[in-house]
Amino acid sequence: MKLSWENITLRVDKWFPEGSPRRKLLLIVSIILLFEGISVLILFSYQGVGAGLFSLALGALLLLLLHPGSGEERKPAPPDDVPGRRQKVPDRDPLGLVMIDAVMKRVDNDYVIMGAGAAIIAFVVIWNAIVSARPDYGDLDTLTIMLGGLVLLSPYLMRKFRVEAAFSLLFIGLVVLLLVVPQAVTSIHEDTGSSVGGWYVHYMLAAPFAGILNLIGIHASSSGNIVSLQFHDGTTQVLSISAYCAGLYSFSIFLAAFASFVLVFERLSAKNLSIVLALGLLIAYLGNLFRMVVIGIVGYYNGIDALLWTHSNVGWMIFLGWSAVFWYLVIGFADRQARKARANGD
C-alpha cells in the first residue's frame, strides 16, 4: 500500500473502528499526551522540553488521524437491516455534550467565552504574584492555565472536535474543581492545610506502608504521616507522606476522568456505574499503596537519591499502567452493554 495520509487514516479506521473500545481508548490517550506535552512546556523548571514536544506532537498526530480532513464528525454506519429488528431513532447526544452546548448557546457570544478563558489564565498569574506563598508555577497552576486555554479556544474546538473538546473541558474542569480549588483555599491558611486528611494518611497509607515493608523484611515504623525506614546500609531515613503521596492526585484525576467518560462517551446503568466507580477507587487506592511500597524498596537497596528519583517518576508510570488496563476493560464492558441493549431493542 502506498504511504500517504489517506492510506494511513484508512489503516487507523481498520485497526480502530469507529465507536469501538480501542478507538475510544486511543482518543483518550491522544488527549492525555496533548495535556502532558503542554504541562511540560508550561513548567519551565522541567528539563524534559524534548519529551514535552514529543508528547504534544504525538497527541496532536493521533487526534488528526482519528479526525482526518476537515475534522467534521463522521456518522456511524447504519444498522444492519435484520428482519424483525425494530428500527430505532438515533440516540440523543450524551449529557456532557448537551450541557456544554447549552452553556455556549446561553452565552451566545464567542468573545465572552474567550474572555472568560483569558480571565482564568490572568487569575493564575495574579494569584501567584500576590496571594500565593510560592510564586513559581507548579502542577496546580498548569492545570488551571490549561483550563483557561481550553475555555479560550472552546468556540473553535467545539466546532471542529466536538467530542474531544467536550471531554477535555469536563475533565480538566473537574480536576481543577476537585484538586486545585481545595488546595488553593487551604493554602491561604497554612495551619489548616497540613492537617487535612491526617486520619486517612495515618491509618490507610502510612501504617499499611510500614506494615507491608516489615512483612518483606524491611524494618519500618509509622507515626501520623511520618514513616521511619531503615535502609540496607543501616542508615535510617524519615519520610513524610504529603497530600500528593496520599493519592490525592490519582483519586481526583480518576474521578474527573470517570465522570467525563460517563458524561461524554458512555451511558451506564446506576448499578453498573456504582460497581465500576467503586472498583476504580479501590484500584486507585491499591495502586497508590503499591507505588509507595516500590519507592520504599528502591530506597532500601539503592539509597535516598534513588528513592527520590523513583518518587518523582515511577508514580505516574504505575498510575498510567493500571488506568490504561482499567479503562480498556471499562470501555469494552460499556460497549458490550450497549450492543446487548440494541440487540434487545431497548
Foldseek 3Di string as FASTA:
>chain_A
DDDDLVVLLVVCCVVPPPLALVLVLLLVQLLVLLLQLLLQVVQVVDPVPVSSVVSNVVSVVSQCSSQPDQLDDDDDDDDDPDPPADDDDDDDAFQLLVVVVVVCVVVVDLVVQLVQLVVQLVVLQVCLVPPAPHNRDDDLNSLSNVLSVLSNCVVVCCRRPVLSSSLVNQLSVQLCVQPVVVVSVCRNPVVPQQCPCQVCLQPLAQQVLQVVCVVVPWHWDDDGQWIWTQAQVGDIDIDGQHCVLSLSNLVSNVVSNLVSCCRHPFPDDPVVSVVLNVVSVVVSSVLSNVLSNVLNVQCRHPNDVSSVVSVVPVSVVSSCVVVSVSSSVVSNVRSVVVVVCSVVVD
